[in-house]
């Protein structure tokens, strides 16, 4: 028995995965979180076929990493704003996250 996934070349799967990751990187935090919550709801219902469950779980992991990264950047900016040499707000400075 041959599955639909095995009929698709691995390079096509990899290309689709890269495109999906690129689309996730463009999402604002709120939209990424909304999609992640939808994935959790779908998986909790338990009525999603196994292949689809694995695929949406992987997307959920990518969304979680994206949300974590956005939160870390926001936290770093807040820390940068609130920390000054004298312990008082010293204004803002560009944040080098890369």
N, C-alpha and C. Protein backbone atom coordinates (compact mmCIF):
# COMPACT_ATOMS: atom_id res chain seq x y z
N UNK A 1 0.84 -1.17 0.00
CA UNK A 1 0.00 0.00 0.00
C UNK A 1 0.89 1.24 0.00
N UNK A 2 0.66 2.13 -0.92
CA UNK A 2 1.47 3.34 -1.06
C UNK A 2 0.69 4.54 -0.57
N UNK A 3 1.31 5.33 0.29
CA UNK A 3 0.63 6.52 0.78
C UNK A 3 0.86 7.66 -0.19
N UNK A 4 0.02 8.67 -0.08
CA UNK A 4 0.15 9.85 -0.94
C UNK A 4 1.47 10.56 -0.66
N UNK A 5 1.93 10.53 0.58
CA UNK A 5 3.18 11.21 0.93
C UNK A 5 4.38 10.56 0.24
N UNK A 6 4.38 9.22 0.13
CA UNK A 6 5.52 8.56 -0.47
C UNK A 6 5.60 8.81 -1.97
N UNK A 7 4.50 9.20 -2.60
CA UNK A 7 4.49 9.50 -4.02
C UNK A 7 5.08 10.87 -4.32
N UNK A 8 5.21 11.71 -3.31
CA UNK A 8 5.75 13.05 -3.49
C UNK A 8 7.25 13.01 -3.19
N UNK A 9 8.09 13.53 -4.10
CA UNK A 9 9.53 13.53 -3.85
C UNK A 9 9.88 14.28 -2.57
N UNK A 10 10.91 13.80 -1.88
CA UNK A 10 11.34 14.43 -0.63
C UNK A 10 11.69 15.89 -0.84
N UNK A 11 12.27 16.22 -2.00
CA UNK A 11 12.63 17.61 -2.27
C UNK A 11 11.40 18.51 -2.34
N UNK A 12 10.28 17.98 -2.83
CA UNK A 12 9.05 18.76 -2.87
C UNK A 12 8.53 19.00 -1.46
N UNK A 13 8.60 17.95 -0.61
CA UNK A 13 8.20 18.10 0.79
C UNK A 13 9.06 19.14 1.48
N UNK A 14 10.36 19.10 1.24
CA UNK A 14 11.29 20.05 1.86
C UNK A 14 11.00 21.47 1.40
N UNK A 15 10.71 21.63 0.13
CA UNK A 15 10.40 22.96 -0.40
C UNK A 15 9.13 23.52 0.21
N UNK A 16 8.13 22.67 0.36
CA UNK A 16 6.87 23.11 0.97
C UNK A 16 7.09 23.47 2.43
N UNK A 17 7.92 22.69 3.11
CA UNK A 17 8.20 22.97 4.52
C UNK A 17 8.93 24.30 4.68
N UNK A 18 9.88 24.57 3.80
CA UNK A 18 10.61 25.85 3.84
C UNK A 18 9.67 27.02 3.59
N UNK A 19 8.76 26.85 2.63
CA UNK A 19 7.80 27.91 2.32
C UNK A 19 6.89 28.14 3.52
N UNK A 20 6.48 27.06 4.19
CA UNK A 20 5.63 27.18 5.36
C UNK A 20 6.35 27.91 6.49
N UNK A 21 7.63 27.57 6.71
CA UNK A 21 8.41 28.25 7.74
C UNK A 21 8.57 29.73 7.42
N UNK A 22 8.78 30.05 6.15
CA UNK A 22 8.91 31.45 5.76
C UNK A 22 7.61 32.20 6.03
N UNK A 23 6.48 31.57 5.77
CA UNK A 23 5.20 32.25 6.01
C UNK A 23 4.97 32.45 7.51
N UNK A 24 5.44 31.51 8.32
CA UNK A 24 5.30 31.64 9.77
C UNK A 24 6.13 32.82 10.28
N UNK A 25 7.34 32.98 9.75
CA UNK A 25 8.22 34.06 10.19
C UNK A 25 7.62 35.44 9.93
N UNK A 26 6.69 35.53 9.00
CA UNK A 26 6.07 36.82 8.67
C UNK A 26 4.86 37.13 9.54
N UNK A 27 4.39 36.16 10.32
CA UNK A 27 3.18 36.36 11.12
C UNK A 27 3.45 37.24 12.34
N UNK A 28 2.53 38.16 12.62
CA UNK A 28 2.62 38.89 13.89
C UNK A 28 2.29 37.93 15.04
N UNK A 29 2.71 38.28 16.23
CA UNK A 29 2.54 37.42 17.39
C UNK A 29 1.10 36.96 17.56
N UNK A 30 0.16 37.89 17.51
CA UNK A 30 -1.24 37.57 17.77
C UNK A 30 -1.78 36.55 16.78
N UNK A 31 -1.43 36.68 15.52
CA UNK A 31 -1.91 35.75 14.49
C UNK A 31 -1.26 34.38 14.67
N UNK A 32 0.02 34.35 14.98
CA UNK A 32 0.71 33.08 15.20
C UNK A 32 0.12 32.36 16.41
N UNK A 33 -0.16 33.09 17.46
CA UNK A 33 -0.75 32.49 18.66
C UNK A 33 -2.15 31.95 18.36
N UNK A 34 -2.91 32.69 17.58
CA UNK A 34 -4.25 32.25 17.19
C UNK A 34 -4.19 30.93 16.41
N UNK A 35 -3.25 30.83 15.48
CA UNK A 35 -3.09 29.60 14.71
C UNK A 35 -2.64 28.45 15.60
N UNK A 36 -1.74 28.74 16.52
CA UNK A 36 -1.26 27.71 17.45
C UNK A 36 -2.41 27.19 18.31
N UNK A 37 -3.25 28.08 18.80
CA UNK A 37 -4.40 27.67 19.61
C UNK A 37 -5.37 26.81 18.79
N UNK A 38 -5.54 27.13 17.52
CA UNK A 38 -6.39 26.33 16.64
C UNK A 38 -5.83 24.93 16.45
N UNK A 39 -4.53 24.83 16.33
CA UNK A 39 -3.89 23.52 16.18
C UNK A 39 -4.08 22.69 17.45
N UNK A 40 -3.91 23.32 18.60
CA UNK A 40 -4.09 22.61 19.87
C UNK A 40 -5.52 22.09 19.98
N UNK A 41 -6.49 22.93 19.62
CA UNK A 41 -7.89 22.50 19.68
C UNK A 41 -8.12 21.30 18.76
N UNK A 42 -7.58 21.35 17.54
CA UNK A 42 -7.76 20.24 16.59
C UNK A 42 -7.15 18.96 17.13
N UNK A 43 -5.94 19.05 17.68
CA UNK A 43 -5.28 17.86 18.19
C UNK A 43 -5.98 17.31 19.43
N UNK A 44 -6.52 18.20 20.26
CA UNK A 44 -7.21 17.74 21.46
C UNK A 44 -8.50 17.01 21.13
N UNK A 45 -9.16 17.38 20.04
CA UNK A 45 -10.39 16.69 19.62
C UNK A 45 -10.11 15.24 19.29
N UNK A 46 -8.94 14.99 18.71
CA UNK A 46 -8.55 13.63 18.38
C UNK A 46 -9.20 13.06 17.14
N UNK A 47 -9.85 13.89 16.34
CA UNK A 47 -10.52 13.37 15.15
C UNK A 47 -9.78 13.70 13.85
N UNK A 48 -8.50 14.05 13.97
CA UNK A 48 -7.68 14.37 12.81
C UNK A 48 -6.89 13.12 12.43
N UNK A 49 -6.86 12.76 11.13
CA UNK A 49 -6.07 11.59 10.71
C UNK A 49 -4.60 11.72 11.13
N UNK A 50 -3.95 10.59 11.32
CA UNK A 50 -2.58 10.57 11.85
C UNK A 50 -1.62 11.41 11.02
N UNK A 51 -1.59 11.23 9.71
CA UNK A 51 -0.67 12.00 8.86
C UNK A 51 -0.88 13.50 9.04
N UNK A 52 -2.15 13.90 9.06
CA UNK A 52 -2.47 15.32 9.23
C UNK A 52 -2.09 15.79 10.63
N UNK A 53 -2.30 14.94 11.63
CA UNK A 53 -1.93 15.29 13.01
C UNK A 53 -0.44 15.59 13.11
N UNK A 54 0.37 14.74 12.48
CA UNK A 54 1.82 14.94 12.52
C UNK A 54 2.18 16.25 11.83
N UNK A 55 1.57 16.51 10.68
CA UNK A 55 1.88 17.73 9.94
C UNK A 55 1.48 18.98 10.72
N UNK A 56 0.28 18.97 11.32
CA UNK A 56 -0.13 20.18 12.04
C UNK A 56 0.64 20.31 13.36
N UNK A 57 1.05 19.19 13.95
CA UNK A 57 1.89 19.26 15.14
C UNK A 57 3.23 19.93 14.81
N UNK A 58 3.82 19.55 13.67
CA UNK A 58 5.08 20.16 13.26
C UNK A 58 4.90 21.66 13.01
N UNK A 59 3.79 22.05 12.40
CA UNK A 59 3.51 23.47 12.19
C UNK A 59 3.34 24.16 13.55
N UNK A 60 2.67 23.48 14.46
CA UNK A 60 2.49 24.03 15.80
C UNK A 60 3.82 24.28 16.50
N UNK A 61 4.76 23.35 16.35
CA UNK A 61 6.09 23.53 16.93
C UNK A 61 6.78 24.75 16.34
N UNK A 62 6.66 24.93 15.02
CA UNK A 62 7.27 26.10 14.37
C UNK A 62 6.60 27.38 14.84
N UNK A 63 5.28 27.35 14.99
CA UNK A 63 4.57 28.53 15.49
C UNK A 63 4.99 28.85 16.93
N UNK A 64 5.16 27.83 17.75
CA UNK A 64 5.59 28.03 19.14
C UNK A 64 6.97 28.68 19.19
N UNK A 65 7.90 28.16 18.37
CA UNK A 65 9.25 28.75 18.33
C UNK A 65 9.18 30.21 17.89
N UNK A 66 8.34 30.50 16.91
CA UNK A 66 8.19 31.87 16.41
C UNK A 66 7.64 32.78 17.52
N UNK A 67 6.61 32.32 18.21
CA UNK A 67 6.03 33.11 19.31
C UNK A 67 7.06 33.34 20.41
N UNK A 68 7.81 32.29 20.75
CA UNK A 68 8.86 32.43 21.78
C UNK A 68 9.89 33.47 21.37
N UNK A 69 10.30 33.44 20.11
CA UNK A 69 11.30 34.40 19.63
C UNK A 69 10.76 35.83 19.69
N UNK A 70 9.51 36.01 19.29
CA UNK A 70 8.92 37.35 19.34
C UNK A 70 8.80 37.84 20.78
N UNK A 71 8.43 36.96 21.69
CA UNK A 71 8.34 37.34 23.11
C UNK A 71 9.72 37.69 23.67
N UNK A 72 10.74 36.94 23.30
CA UNK A 72 12.10 37.23 23.77
C UNK A 72 12.56 38.59 23.27
N UNK A 73 12.25 38.90 22.02
CA UNK A 73 12.63 40.22 21.48
C UNK A 73 11.91 41.34 22.23
N UNK A 74 10.62 41.14 22.48
CA UNK A 74 9.86 42.15 23.21
C UNK A 74 10.41 42.32 24.62
N UNK A 75 10.72 41.21 25.27
CA UNK A 75 11.28 41.27 26.62
C UNK A 75 12.63 41.99 26.62
N UNK A 76 13.47 41.72 25.63
CA UNK A 76 14.77 42.38 25.55
C UNK A 76 14.60 43.88 25.33
N UNK A 77 13.64 44.27 24.52
CA UNK A 77 13.40 45.70 24.30
C UNK A 77 12.93 46.37 25.58
N UNK A 78 12.06 45.71 26.32
CA UNK A 78 11.57 46.28 27.57
C UNK A 78 12.71 46.41 28.56
N UNK A 79 13.55 45.40 28.66
CA UNK A 79 14.70 45.46 29.56
C UNK A 79 15.65 46.57 29.14
N UNK A 80 15.84 46.73 27.84
CA UNK A 80 16.73 47.77 27.33
C UNK A 80 16.19 49.15 27.68
N UNK A 81 14.89 49.33 27.60
CA UNK A 81 14.26 50.61 27.91
C UNK A 81 14.34 50.91 29.42
N UNK A 82 14.12 49.92 30.23
CA UNK A 82 14.01 50.17 31.67
C UNK A 82 15.35 50.21 32.40
N UNK A 83 16.41 49.70 31.78
CA UNK A 83 17.69 49.67 32.47
C UNK A 83 18.57 50.84 32.04
N UNK A 84 18.95 51.65 33.00
CA UNK A 84 19.89 52.73 32.77
C UNK A 84 21.04 52.61 33.76
N UNK A 85 22.11 53.36 33.56
CA UNK A 85 23.27 53.30 34.45
C UNK A 85 22.91 53.68 35.88
N UNK A 86 21.99 54.62 36.03
CA UNK A 86 21.59 55.05 37.37
C UNK A 86 20.34 54.33 37.87
N UNK A 87 19.88 53.32 37.12
CA UNK A 87 18.69 52.57 37.54
C UNK A 87 17.40 53.21 37.10
N UNK A 88 17.46 54.34 36.42
CA UNK A 88 16.27 55.02 35.92
C UNK A 88 16.15 54.80 34.42
N UNK A 89 14.96 55.07 33.90
CA UNK A 89 14.75 54.95 32.46
C UNK A 89 15.70 55.90 31.74
N UNK A 90 16.40 55.35 30.77
CA UNK A 90 17.40 56.15 30.07
C UNK A 90 17.00 56.40 28.62
N UNK A 91 15.76 56.12 28.26
CA UNK A 91 15.34 56.29 26.88
C UNK A 91 15.42 54.96 26.16
N UNK A 92 15.57 55.04 24.85
CA UNK A 92 15.64 53.80 24.06
C UNK A 92 16.89 53.83 23.19
N UNK A 93 17.27 52.63 22.82
CA UNK A 93 18.41 52.45 21.90
C UNK A 93 18.05 51.30 20.99
N UNK A 94 18.62 51.29 19.79
CA UNK A 94 18.33 50.16 18.89
C UNK A 94 18.71 48.84 19.55
N UNK A 95 17.89 47.84 19.33
CA UNK A 95 18.13 46.52 19.90
C UNK A 95 18.76 45.63 18.84
N UNK A 96 19.93 45.11 19.12
CA UNK A 96 20.58 44.18 18.20
C UNK A 96 20.20 42.77 18.62
N UNK A 97 19.23 42.17 17.92
CA UNK A 97 18.76 40.84 18.24
C UNK A 97 19.51 39.79 17.45
N UNK A 98 19.97 40.15 16.28
CA UNK A 98 20.65 39.19 15.41
C UNK A 98 21.96 38.88 15.95
